[in-house]
N, C-alpha and C. Protein backbone atom coordinates (compact mmCIF):
# COMPACT_ATOMS: atom_id res chain seq x y z
N MET A 1 18.22 -11.94 -1.03
CA MET A 1 18.36 -10.49 -0.98
C MET A 1 17.04 -9.82 -1.34
N PRO A 2 16.69 -8.73 -0.64
CA PRO A 2 15.42 -8.06 -0.91
C PRO A 2 15.25 -7.62 -2.37
N ILE A 3 16.33 -7.18 -3.00
CA ILE A 3 16.22 -6.67 -4.37
C ILE A 3 15.76 -7.76 -5.33
N ASP A 4 16.04 -9.02 -5.01
CA ASP A 4 15.62 -10.13 -5.88
C ASP A 4 14.09 -10.18 -6.00
N ALA A 5 13.39 -9.87 -4.91
CA ALA A 5 11.92 -9.87 -4.95
C ALA A 5 11.41 -8.79 -5.90
N LEU A 6 12.07 -7.64 -5.93
CA LEU A 6 11.66 -6.55 -6.82
C LEU A 6 11.97 -6.90 -8.27
N ILE A 7 13.12 -7.50 -8.51
CA ILE A 7 13.46 -7.92 -9.88
C ILE A 7 12.43 -8.93 -10.38
N LYS A 8 12.09 -9.88 -9.54
CA LYS A 8 11.08 -10.87 -9.92
C LYS A 8 9.74 -10.18 -10.20
N TYR A 9 9.38 -9.22 -9.37
CA TYR A 9 8.13 -8.47 -9.56
C TYR A 9 8.13 -7.76 -10.92
N PHE A 10 9.19 -7.02 -11.21
CA PHE A 10 9.27 -6.31 -12.49
C PHE A 10 9.25 -7.29 -13.67
N ASN A 11 9.96 -8.40 -13.53
CA ASN A 11 10.02 -9.39 -14.61
C ASN A 11 8.65 -10.01 -14.92
N ARG A 12 7.74 -9.99 -13.96
CA ARG A 12 6.39 -10.48 -14.24
C ARG A 12 5.65 -9.55 -15.19
N HIS A 13 6.05 -8.28 -15.22
CA HIS A 13 5.43 -7.30 -16.11
C HIS A 13 6.16 -7.25 -17.46
N LEU A 14 7.47 -7.02 -17.40
CA LEU A 14 8.32 -6.96 -18.59
C LEU A 14 9.71 -7.43 -18.18
N THR A 15 10.31 -8.26 -18.99
CA THR A 15 11.62 -8.82 -18.65
C THR A 15 12.69 -7.72 -18.65
N LEU A 16 13.45 -7.68 -17.58
CA LEU A 16 14.52 -6.69 -17.44
C LEU A 16 15.82 -7.21 -18.03
N ASN A 17 16.61 -6.29 -18.60
CA ASN A 17 17.94 -6.67 -19.06
C ASN A 17 18.94 -6.38 -17.94
N ASN A 18 20.20 -6.74 -18.14
CA ASN A 18 21.22 -6.58 -17.09
C ASN A 18 21.44 -5.13 -16.70
N GLU A 19 21.37 -4.22 -17.66
CA GLU A 19 21.56 -2.80 -17.35
C GLU A 19 20.42 -2.28 -16.47
N GLU A 20 19.20 -2.69 -16.76
CA GLU A 20 18.05 -2.27 -15.95
C GLU A 20 18.13 -2.85 -14.54
N ILE A 21 18.55 -4.10 -14.46
CA ILE A 21 18.71 -4.73 -13.14
C ILE A 21 19.79 -4.00 -12.33
N SER A 22 20.90 -3.67 -12.96
CA SER A 22 21.97 -2.93 -12.27
C SER A 22 21.46 -1.59 -11.77
N PHE A 23 20.65 -0.93 -12.59
CA PHE A 23 20.12 0.38 -12.19
C PHE A 23 19.24 0.25 -10.95
N ILE A 24 18.31 -0.71 -10.94
CA ILE A 24 17.44 -0.81 -9.76
C ILE A 24 18.22 -1.25 -8.52
N GLN A 25 19.27 -2.05 -8.72
CA GLN A 25 20.12 -2.41 -7.58
C GLN A 25 20.81 -1.18 -7.00
N GLU A 26 21.09 -0.23 -7.88
CA GLU A 26 21.77 1.00 -7.46
C GLU A 26 20.83 1.97 -6.74
N VAL A 27 19.58 2.10 -7.19
CA VAL A 27 18.73 3.19 -6.69
C VAL A 27 17.72 2.79 -5.62
N PHE A 28 17.41 1.51 -5.49
CA PHE A 28 16.46 1.11 -4.46
C PHE A 28 17.20 0.87 -3.15
N ILE A 29 16.66 1.44 -2.08
CA ILE A 29 17.28 1.39 -0.75
C ILE A 29 16.55 0.35 0.09
N PRO A 30 17.25 -0.72 0.53
CA PRO A 30 16.58 -1.71 1.40
C PRO A 30 16.53 -1.21 2.84
N ARG A 31 15.40 -1.53 3.51
CA ARG A 31 15.25 -1.16 4.92
C ARG A 31 14.49 -2.25 5.66
N LYS A 32 14.85 -2.45 6.89
CA LYS A 32 14.09 -3.31 7.81
C LYS A 32 13.29 -2.38 8.72
N ILE A 33 12.02 -2.65 8.83
CA ILE A 33 11.12 -1.80 9.62
C ILE A 33 10.52 -2.63 10.75
N LYS A 34 10.56 -2.09 11.95
CA LYS A 34 9.97 -2.77 13.10
C LYS A 34 8.46 -2.55 13.12
N ARG A 35 7.76 -3.44 13.78
CA ARG A 35 6.32 -3.26 13.98
C ARG A 35 6.08 -1.92 14.68
N ARG A 36 5.09 -1.19 14.20
CA ARG A 36 4.68 0.12 14.71
C ARG A 36 5.65 1.25 14.34
N GLN A 37 6.65 0.97 13.52
CA GLN A 37 7.56 2.00 13.05
C GLN A 37 6.94 2.71 11.85
N PHE A 38 7.13 4.02 11.79
CA PHE A 38 6.58 4.83 10.70
C PHE A 38 7.61 4.98 9.59
N ILE A 39 7.12 4.96 8.34
CA ILE A 39 7.97 5.37 7.22
C ILE A 39 7.49 6.71 6.67
N LEU A 40 6.32 7.18 7.15
CA LEU A 40 5.82 8.51 6.82
C LEU A 40 4.91 8.95 7.94
N GLN A 41 5.03 10.22 8.33
CA GLN A 41 4.14 10.80 9.33
C GLN A 41 3.52 12.07 8.78
N GLY A 42 2.29 12.34 9.21
CA GLY A 42 1.61 13.55 8.80
C GLY A 42 2.48 14.77 9.04
N GLY A 43 2.50 15.67 8.07
CA GLY A 43 3.33 16.88 8.16
C GLY A 43 4.66 16.74 7.45
N ASP A 44 5.10 15.51 7.20
CA ASP A 44 6.34 15.28 6.46
C ASP A 44 6.03 15.16 4.97
N VAL A 45 6.99 15.47 4.14
CA VAL A 45 6.85 15.27 2.70
C VAL A 45 7.21 13.82 2.38
N CYS A 46 6.40 13.18 1.57
CA CYS A 46 6.69 11.80 1.14
C CYS A 46 7.75 11.88 0.05
N LYS A 47 8.98 11.48 0.39
CA LYS A 47 10.10 11.58 -0.54
C LYS A 47 10.49 10.24 -1.15
N LEU A 48 9.82 9.16 -0.72
CA LEU A 48 10.19 7.82 -1.15
C LEU A 48 8.96 7.02 -1.55
N ASN A 49 9.07 6.30 -2.65
CA ASN A 49 8.05 5.34 -3.04
C ASN A 49 8.51 3.99 -2.49
N THR A 50 7.59 3.20 -1.95
CA THR A 50 7.95 2.02 -1.18
C THR A 50 7.35 0.74 -1.76
N PHE A 51 8.21 -0.25 -1.93
CA PHE A 51 7.82 -1.60 -2.35
C PHE A 51 7.99 -2.52 -1.15
N VAL A 52 6.96 -3.32 -0.86
CA VAL A 52 7.02 -4.22 0.29
C VAL A 52 7.58 -5.58 -0.16
N VAL A 53 8.70 -5.95 0.40
CA VAL A 53 9.32 -7.25 0.14
C VAL A 53 8.70 -8.29 1.06
N GLU A 54 8.57 -7.92 2.32
CA GLU A 54 8.04 -8.83 3.34
C GLU A 54 7.41 -8.00 4.44
N GLY A 55 6.25 -8.45 4.93
CA GLY A 55 5.60 -7.75 6.02
C GLY A 55 4.29 -7.12 5.61
N CYS A 56 3.81 -6.21 6.44
CA CYS A 56 2.53 -5.56 6.21
C CYS A 56 2.57 -4.14 6.77
N LEU A 57 2.12 -3.18 5.95
CA LEU A 57 2.06 -1.79 6.37
C LEU A 57 0.65 -1.27 6.15
N LYS A 58 0.34 -0.17 6.82
CA LYS A 58 -0.95 0.49 6.63
C LYS A 58 -0.73 1.97 6.39
N MET A 59 -1.62 2.56 5.60
CA MET A 59 -1.61 4.01 5.38
C MET A 59 -2.95 4.54 5.88
N TYR A 60 -2.89 5.60 6.67
CA TYR A 60 -4.12 6.13 7.26
C TYR A 60 -3.99 7.63 7.49
N TYR A 61 -5.14 8.26 7.73
CA TYR A 61 -5.13 9.64 8.19
C TYR A 61 -5.80 9.69 9.55
N VAL A 62 -5.54 10.75 10.29
CA VAL A 62 -6.11 10.94 11.62
C VAL A 62 -7.02 12.15 11.56
N ASP A 63 -8.29 11.97 11.97
CA ASP A 63 -9.25 13.08 11.91
C ASP A 63 -9.09 14.01 13.10
N GLU A 64 -9.94 15.03 13.14
CA GLU A 64 -9.84 16.05 14.20
C GLU A 64 -10.14 15.49 15.59
N ASN A 65 -10.74 14.30 15.65
CA ASN A 65 -11.01 13.65 16.93
C ASN A 65 -9.96 12.60 17.29
N ALA A 66 -8.84 12.63 16.58
CA ALA A 66 -7.71 11.72 16.77
C ALA A 66 -8.08 10.27 16.44
N LYS A 67 -9.06 10.08 15.56
CA LYS A 67 -9.46 8.74 15.14
C LYS A 67 -8.75 8.40 13.83
N GLU A 68 -8.19 7.18 13.78
CA GLU A 68 -7.50 6.71 12.57
C GLU A 68 -8.52 6.19 11.55
N HIS A 69 -8.23 6.48 10.28
CA HIS A 69 -9.04 5.98 9.17
C HIS A 69 -8.10 5.32 8.17
N ASN A 70 -8.13 3.98 8.11
CA ASN A 70 -7.24 3.25 7.23
C ASN A 70 -7.67 3.42 5.77
N LEU A 71 -6.70 3.77 4.94
CA LEU A 71 -6.96 3.97 3.51
C LEU A 71 -6.40 2.83 2.68
N GLN A 72 -5.29 2.24 3.12
CA GLN A 72 -4.63 1.22 2.33
C GLN A 72 -3.79 0.33 3.23
N PHE A 73 -3.69 -0.91 2.81
CA PHE A 73 -2.75 -1.85 3.41
C PHE A 73 -1.80 -2.28 2.31
N ALA A 74 -0.62 -2.72 2.67
CA ALA A 74 0.34 -3.22 1.67
C ALA A 74 1.09 -4.40 2.25
N ILE A 75 1.06 -5.50 1.51
CA ILE A 75 1.81 -6.70 1.87
C ILE A 75 2.79 -7.00 0.74
N GLU A 76 3.39 -8.16 0.75
CA GLU A 76 4.41 -8.53 -0.21
C GLU A 76 3.97 -8.23 -1.65
N ASP A 77 4.89 -7.62 -2.40
CA ASP A 77 4.69 -7.28 -3.82
C ASP A 77 3.71 -6.14 -4.04
N TRP A 78 3.40 -5.37 -3.01
CA TRP A 78 2.53 -4.21 -3.15
C TRP A 78 3.37 -2.94 -2.93
N TRP A 79 2.88 -1.85 -3.48
CA TRP A 79 3.51 -0.53 -3.32
C TRP A 79 2.67 0.30 -2.37
N ILE A 80 3.34 1.21 -1.66
CA ILE A 80 2.62 2.11 -0.77
C ILE A 80 3.36 3.44 -0.70
N GLY A 81 2.58 4.51 -0.62
CA GLY A 81 3.14 5.85 -0.50
C GLY A 81 2.05 6.87 -0.69
N ASP A 82 2.29 8.07 -0.24
CA ASP A 82 1.35 9.17 -0.47
C ASP A 82 1.73 9.78 -1.82
N ILE A 83 1.05 9.34 -2.85
CA ILE A 83 1.40 9.76 -4.21
C ILE A 83 1.24 11.27 -4.41
N GLY A 84 0.26 11.87 -3.74
CA GLY A 84 0.07 13.32 -3.84
C GLY A 84 1.25 14.10 -3.30
N SER A 85 1.68 13.75 -2.10
CA SER A 85 2.83 14.41 -1.48
C SER A 85 4.11 14.09 -2.25
N PHE A 86 4.25 12.84 -2.70
CA PHE A 86 5.43 12.40 -3.44
C PHE A 86 5.63 13.25 -4.69
N HIS A 87 4.55 13.51 -5.42
CA HIS A 87 4.67 14.25 -6.68
C HIS A 87 4.65 15.77 -6.49
N SER A 88 3.90 16.26 -5.50
CA SER A 88 3.79 17.71 -5.32
C SER A 88 4.88 18.30 -4.44
N GLY A 89 5.44 17.48 -3.55
CA GLY A 89 6.41 17.99 -2.59
C GLY A 89 5.76 18.69 -1.42
N GLU A 90 4.43 18.61 -1.33
CA GLU A 90 3.71 19.23 -0.21
C GLU A 90 3.65 18.27 0.98
N PRO A 91 3.53 18.81 2.19
CA PRO A 91 3.45 17.93 3.36
C PRO A 91 2.26 16.97 3.27
N SER A 92 2.48 15.77 3.73
CA SER A 92 1.45 14.74 3.71
C SER A 92 0.51 14.91 4.89
N LYS A 93 -0.72 14.47 4.70
CA LYS A 93 -1.69 14.38 5.79
C LYS A 93 -1.82 12.93 6.25
N LEU A 94 -1.01 12.06 5.67
CA LEU A 94 -1.13 10.62 5.90
C LEU A 94 0.03 10.09 6.73
N TYR A 95 -0.21 8.92 7.29
CA TYR A 95 0.79 8.18 8.05
C TYR A 95 0.93 6.80 7.40
N ILE A 96 2.15 6.30 7.34
CA ILE A 96 2.39 4.93 6.89
C ILE A 96 3.19 4.26 8.00
N GLU A 97 2.62 3.16 8.51
CA GLU A 97 3.16 2.49 9.69
C GLU A 97 3.20 0.98 9.44
N ALA A 98 4.23 0.32 9.96
CA ALA A 98 4.33 -1.13 9.84
C ALA A 98 3.40 -1.80 10.85
N ILE A 99 2.59 -2.73 10.35
CA ILE A 99 1.74 -3.55 11.21
C ILE A 99 2.53 -4.77 11.67
N GLU A 100 3.43 -5.23 10.84
CA GLU A 100 4.31 -6.36 11.13
C GLU A 100 5.75 -5.91 10.91
N PRO A 101 6.73 -6.61 11.50
CA PRO A 101 8.11 -6.34 11.09
C PRO A 101 8.18 -6.54 9.57
N SER A 102 8.83 -5.61 8.89
CA SER A 102 8.77 -5.62 7.42
C SER A 102 10.13 -5.33 6.81
N THR A 103 10.31 -5.83 5.60
CA THR A 103 11.45 -5.50 4.77
C THR A 103 10.90 -4.75 3.56
N ILE A 104 11.45 -3.57 3.30
CA ILE A 104 10.95 -2.75 2.21
C ILE A 104 12.12 -2.29 1.33
N LEU A 105 11.77 -1.88 0.13
CA LEU A 105 12.72 -1.22 -0.78
C LEU A 105 12.12 0.13 -1.12
N GLN A 106 12.94 1.17 -1.05
CA GLN A 106 12.44 2.51 -1.32
C GLN A 106 13.27 3.19 -2.40
N ILE A 107 12.59 4.04 -3.17
CA ILE A 107 13.26 4.81 -4.21
C ILE A 107 12.89 6.28 -4.06
N LYS A 108 13.90 7.14 -4.19
CA LYS A 108 13.69 8.59 -4.13
C LYS A 108 13.02 9.06 -5.41
N LYS A 109 12.28 10.15 -5.29
CA LYS A 109 11.55 10.70 -6.44
C LYS A 109 12.47 10.98 -7.62
N GLU A 110 13.62 11.60 -7.35
CA GLU A 110 14.52 11.94 -8.45
C GLU A 110 15.06 10.69 -9.15
N ASN A 111 15.29 9.63 -8.38
CA ASN A 111 15.75 8.38 -9.01
C ASN A 111 14.62 7.68 -9.76
N GLN A 112 13.41 7.79 -9.25
CA GLN A 112 12.28 7.20 -9.97
C GLN A 112 12.08 7.94 -11.30
N ASN A 113 12.15 9.26 -11.28
CA ASN A 113 12.02 10.04 -12.52
C ASN A 113 13.15 9.70 -13.49
N ARG A 114 14.36 9.57 -12.97
CA ARG A 114 15.50 9.20 -13.80
C ARG A 114 15.30 7.81 -14.42
N MET A 115 14.75 6.90 -13.64
CA MET A 115 14.48 5.55 -14.11
C MET A 115 13.49 5.59 -15.28
N PHE A 116 12.46 6.44 -15.18
CA PHE A 116 11.47 6.55 -16.25
C PHE A 116 12.08 7.10 -17.53
N VAL A 117 12.98 8.06 -17.40
CA VAL A 117 13.59 8.69 -18.58
C VAL A 117 14.63 7.77 -19.22
N GLU A 118 15.51 7.22 -18.39
CA GLU A 118 16.61 6.42 -18.92
C GLU A 118 16.20 5.01 -19.33
N TYR A 119 15.13 4.50 -18.70
CA TYR A 119 14.68 3.14 -18.98
C TYR A 119 13.15 3.16 -19.13
N PRO A 120 12.67 3.49 -20.33
CA PRO A 120 11.22 3.66 -20.56
C PRO A 120 10.37 2.45 -20.19
N LYS A 121 10.98 1.29 -20.13
CA LYS A 121 10.24 0.09 -19.74
C LYS A 121 9.59 0.28 -18.36
N PHE A 122 10.31 0.94 -17.45
CA PHE A 122 9.77 1.17 -16.11
C PHE A 122 8.58 2.13 -16.14
N ASN A 123 8.61 3.06 -17.07
CA ASN A 123 7.48 3.97 -17.24
C ASN A 123 6.23 3.17 -17.55
N ARG A 124 6.35 2.19 -18.43
CA ARG A 124 5.21 1.34 -18.78
C ARG A 124 4.76 0.50 -17.58
N ILE A 125 5.72 -0.06 -16.85
CA ILE A 125 5.39 -0.89 -15.69
C ILE A 125 4.64 -0.06 -14.65
N PHE A 126 5.15 1.14 -14.35
CA PHE A 126 4.51 1.97 -13.34
C PHE A 126 3.17 2.51 -13.82
N ARG A 127 2.99 2.67 -15.12
CA ARG A 127 1.68 3.06 -15.63
C ARG A 127 0.66 1.97 -15.31
N VAL A 128 1.03 0.72 -15.51
CA VAL A 128 0.14 -0.40 -15.19
C VAL A 128 -0.15 -0.43 -13.69
N ILE A 129 0.88 -0.25 -12.87
CA ILE A 129 0.71 -0.23 -11.42
C ILE A 129 -0.27 0.88 -11.02
N THR A 130 -0.09 2.06 -11.59
CA THR A 130 -0.94 3.20 -11.28
C THR A 130 -2.37 2.96 -11.76
N GLU A 131 -2.51 2.40 -12.94
CA GLU A 131 -3.86 2.10 -13.46
C GLU A 131 -4.57 1.09 -12.55
N ASN A 132 -3.85 0.06 -12.12
CA ASN A 132 -4.45 -0.93 -11.22
C ASN A 132 -4.86 -0.29 -9.89
N ALA A 133 -4.04 0.61 -9.38
CA ALA A 133 -4.37 1.31 -8.14
C ALA A 133 -5.60 2.19 -8.32
N LEU A 134 -5.71 2.84 -9.47
CA LEU A 134 -6.88 3.68 -9.75
C LEU A 134 -8.15 2.84 -9.84
N VAL A 135 -8.06 1.70 -10.52
CA VAL A 135 -9.21 0.80 -10.63
C VAL A 135 -9.64 0.34 -9.24
N SER A 136 -8.68 -0.02 -8.40
CA SER A 136 -8.98 -0.45 -7.04
C SER A 136 -9.63 0.67 -6.24
N SER A 137 -9.11 1.87 -6.38
CA SER A 137 -9.66 3.03 -5.68
C SER A 137 -11.10 3.32 -6.14
N GLN A 138 -11.33 3.25 -7.43
CA GLN A 138 -12.69 3.47 -7.95
C GLN A 138 -13.64 2.40 -7.43
N HIS A 139 -13.17 1.16 -7.39
CA HIS A 139 -14.00 0.07 -6.87
C HIS A 139 -14.38 0.36 -5.42
N ARG A 140 -13.41 0.81 -4.64
CA ARG A 140 -13.69 1.09 -3.22
C ARG A 140 -14.68 2.23 -3.08
N ILE A 141 -14.56 3.26 -3.88
CA ILE A 141 -15.50 4.39 -3.82
C ILE A 141 -16.92 3.90 -4.14
N ILE A 142 -17.03 3.10 -5.19
CA ILE A 142 -18.35 2.56 -5.57
C ILE A 142 -18.90 1.68 -4.45
N GLN A 143 -18.06 0.80 -3.89
CA GLN A 143 -18.49 -0.06 -2.79
C GLN A 143 -18.99 0.77 -1.60
N ASN A 144 -18.23 1.81 -1.25
CA ASN A 144 -18.60 2.62 -0.08
C ASN A 144 -19.91 3.37 -0.29
N SER A 145 -20.20 3.73 -1.53
CA SER A 145 -21.41 4.51 -1.76
C SER A 145 -22.63 3.67 -2.14
N SER A 146 -22.41 2.39 -2.49
CA SER A 146 -23.55 1.61 -2.98
C SER A 146 -23.78 0.30 -2.22
N SER A 147 -22.93 -0.03 -1.27
CA SER A 147 -23.05 -1.31 -0.56
C SER A 147 -23.18 -1.09 0.94
N ASN A 148 -23.86 -2.03 1.59
CA ASN A 148 -23.91 -1.94 3.05
C ASN A 148 -22.62 -2.53 3.63
N THR A 149 -22.47 -2.41 4.92
CA THR A 149 -21.22 -2.83 5.58
C THR A 149 -20.96 -4.32 5.38
N GLU A 150 -21.99 -5.14 5.48
CA GLU A 150 -21.80 -6.58 5.30
C GLU A 150 -21.28 -6.89 3.90
N GLU A 151 -21.83 -6.24 2.89
CA GLU A 151 -21.37 -6.44 1.52
C GLU A 151 -19.93 -5.96 1.35
N ARG A 152 -19.58 -4.85 1.97
CA ARG A 152 -18.20 -4.34 1.88
C ARG A 152 -17.23 -5.29 2.59
N TYR A 153 -17.66 -5.86 3.71
CA TYR A 153 -16.84 -6.81 4.45
C TYR A 153 -16.60 -8.07 3.62
N ILE A 154 -17.63 -8.60 3.01
CA ILE A 154 -17.49 -9.79 2.16
C ILE A 154 -16.58 -9.48 0.98
N ASP A 155 -16.76 -8.32 0.37
CA ASP A 155 -15.91 -7.92 -0.75
C ASP A 155 -14.45 -7.83 -0.31
N PHE A 156 -14.19 -7.27 0.87
CA PHE A 156 -12.84 -7.15 1.40
C PHE A 156 -12.21 -8.54 1.56
N MET A 157 -12.97 -9.47 2.14
CA MET A 157 -12.45 -10.84 2.35
C MET A 157 -12.13 -11.51 1.01
N GLN A 158 -12.98 -11.30 0.02
CA GLN A 158 -12.78 -11.94 -1.28
C GLN A 158 -11.65 -11.30 -2.07
N ARG A 159 -11.54 -9.98 -2.02
CA ARG A 159 -10.51 -9.29 -2.79
C ARG A 159 -9.12 -9.43 -2.19
N TYR A 160 -9.06 -9.55 -0.86
CA TYR A 160 -7.76 -9.58 -0.18
C TYR A 160 -7.64 -10.77 0.76
N PRO A 161 -7.76 -11.99 0.24
CA PRO A 161 -7.69 -13.16 1.14
C PRO A 161 -6.33 -13.30 1.84
N ASN A 162 -5.25 -12.85 1.21
CA ASN A 162 -3.92 -12.95 1.83
C ASN A 162 -3.70 -11.87 2.89
N LEU A 163 -4.51 -10.84 2.86
CA LEU A 163 -4.39 -9.75 3.81
C LEU A 163 -5.33 -9.95 4.99
N PHE A 164 -6.48 -10.50 4.71
CA PHE A 164 -7.56 -10.62 5.68
C PHE A 164 -7.11 -11.22 7.01
N ASN A 165 -6.31 -12.27 6.99
CA ASN A 165 -5.90 -12.94 8.23
C ASN A 165 -4.68 -12.31 8.89
N ARG A 166 -4.15 -11.25 8.30
CA ARG A 166 -2.94 -10.64 8.84
C ARG A 166 -3.19 -9.35 9.59
N ILE A 167 -4.39 -8.85 9.51
CA ILE A 167 -4.69 -7.59 10.19
C ILE A 167 -5.84 -7.78 11.16
N SER A 168 -5.89 -6.94 12.16
CA SER A 168 -6.89 -7.10 13.21
C SER A 168 -8.26 -6.64 12.73
N ASN A 169 -9.28 -7.07 13.46
CA ASN A 169 -10.64 -6.63 13.16
C ASN A 169 -10.78 -5.12 13.35
N VAL A 170 -10.01 -4.55 14.26
CA VAL A 170 -10.02 -3.09 14.46
C VAL A 170 -9.53 -2.40 13.19
N GLN A 171 -8.47 -2.94 12.57
CA GLN A 171 -7.94 -2.36 11.33
C GLN A 171 -8.94 -2.50 10.19
N ILE A 172 -9.57 -3.67 10.10
CA ILE A 172 -10.57 -3.90 9.05
C ILE A 172 -11.76 -2.95 9.24
N ALA A 173 -12.21 -2.82 10.47
CA ALA A 173 -13.34 -1.93 10.76
C ALA A 173 -13.00 -0.50 10.34
N SER A 174 -11.80 -0.05 10.66
CA SER A 174 -11.37 1.29 10.27
C SER A 174 -11.38 1.46 8.75
N TYR A 175 -10.91 0.44 8.04
CA TYR A 175 -10.89 0.47 6.58
C TYR A 175 -12.31 0.54 6.01
N LEU A 176 -13.22 -0.20 6.64
CA LEU A 176 -14.62 -0.23 6.18
C LEU A 176 -15.43 0.98 6.65
N GLY A 177 -14.87 1.74 7.59
CA GLY A 177 -15.56 2.94 8.07
C GLY A 177 -16.63 2.65 9.11
N VAL A 178 -16.43 1.59 9.91
CA VAL A 178 -17.38 1.24 10.96
C VAL A 178 -16.62 1.03 12.27
N THR A 179 -17.36 0.92 13.35
CA THR A 179 -16.72 0.64 14.63
C THR A 179 -16.39 -0.86 14.71
N PRO A 180 -15.40 -1.23 15.52
CA PRO A 180 -15.10 -2.65 15.70
C PRO A 180 -16.31 -3.42 16.25
N GLU A 181 -17.09 -2.78 17.10
CA GLU A 181 -18.26 -3.43 17.68
C GLU A 181 -19.30 -3.75 16.59
N PHE A 182 -19.50 -2.80 15.69
CA PHE A 182 -20.45 -3.02 14.59
C PHE A 182 -19.97 -4.14 13.68
N LEU A 183 -18.67 -4.17 13.39
CA LEU A 183 -18.11 -5.24 12.57
C LEU A 183 -18.29 -6.59 13.26
N SER A 184 -18.09 -6.63 14.57
CA SER A 184 -18.28 -7.87 15.32
C SER A 184 -19.73 -8.36 15.22
N THR A 185 -20.68 -7.44 15.29
CA THR A 185 -22.09 -7.78 15.14
C THR A 185 -22.36 -8.37 13.76
N ILE A 186 -21.78 -7.78 12.76
CA ILE A 186 -21.95 -8.27 11.37
C ILE A 186 -21.35 -9.67 11.24
N ARG A 187 -20.17 -9.86 11.78
CA ARG A 187 -19.52 -11.17 11.69
C ARG A 187 -20.35 -12.25 12.39
N LYS A 188 -20.89 -11.93 13.56
CA LYS A 188 -21.73 -12.89 14.28
C LYS A 188 -22.98 -13.23 13.46
N ARG A 189 -23.57 -12.21 12.86
CA ARG A 189 -24.76 -12.42 12.03
C ARG A 189 -24.44 -13.30 10.84
N MET A 190 -23.29 -13.10 10.25
CA MET A 190 -22.88 -13.90 9.09
C MET A 190 -22.64 -15.35 9.47
N VAL A 191 -22.05 -15.58 10.64
CA VAL A 191 -21.78 -16.94 11.10
C VAL A 191 -23.10 -17.70 11.31
N LYS A 192 -24.10 -17.00 11.85
CA LYS A 192 -25.40 -17.64 12.11
C LYS A 192 -26.12 -18.00 10.81
N SER A 193 -25.92 -17.20 9.77
CA SER A 193 -26.65 -17.46 8.51
C SER A 193 -25.84 -18.24 7.52
């Protein structure tokens, strides 16, 4: 069952008791998502926080030239959502789409807030999740401003070895902020050296 993956995930942070397990079984909504199916589109409010049980999703924005810019990928045991829209209730500028057929668990904002109040253990767990996401975001900002594309590509491969082989070079290029052709040139250069 999909919820078992989430229970195992939470238990890696702090052991859950039976009441906490019953609560998450009650409030998390399981969904099967087809490849290329959206769970969020620009202009919609992000009303659900999403845990990936199986599969791969991407979060991106589309610029004025209709070009996609990948901001995040999420595979098993990762969370994904537009945190700004989720907390503010304002329309999102982001899209979240399945790259692979996926199984996800989602929680509504009101249930997540209730979970934090009624079961403070989850507040601590989500604080760690948020801190880790912030550290990752800061690392990416530093990489983008201080490293060349080849260094960013190597860092991506090292930081995300389980993700690297699951997404296309076009997706990686978008994440790194380069064209697929430029990424191909870098890869060829790396193979030669």
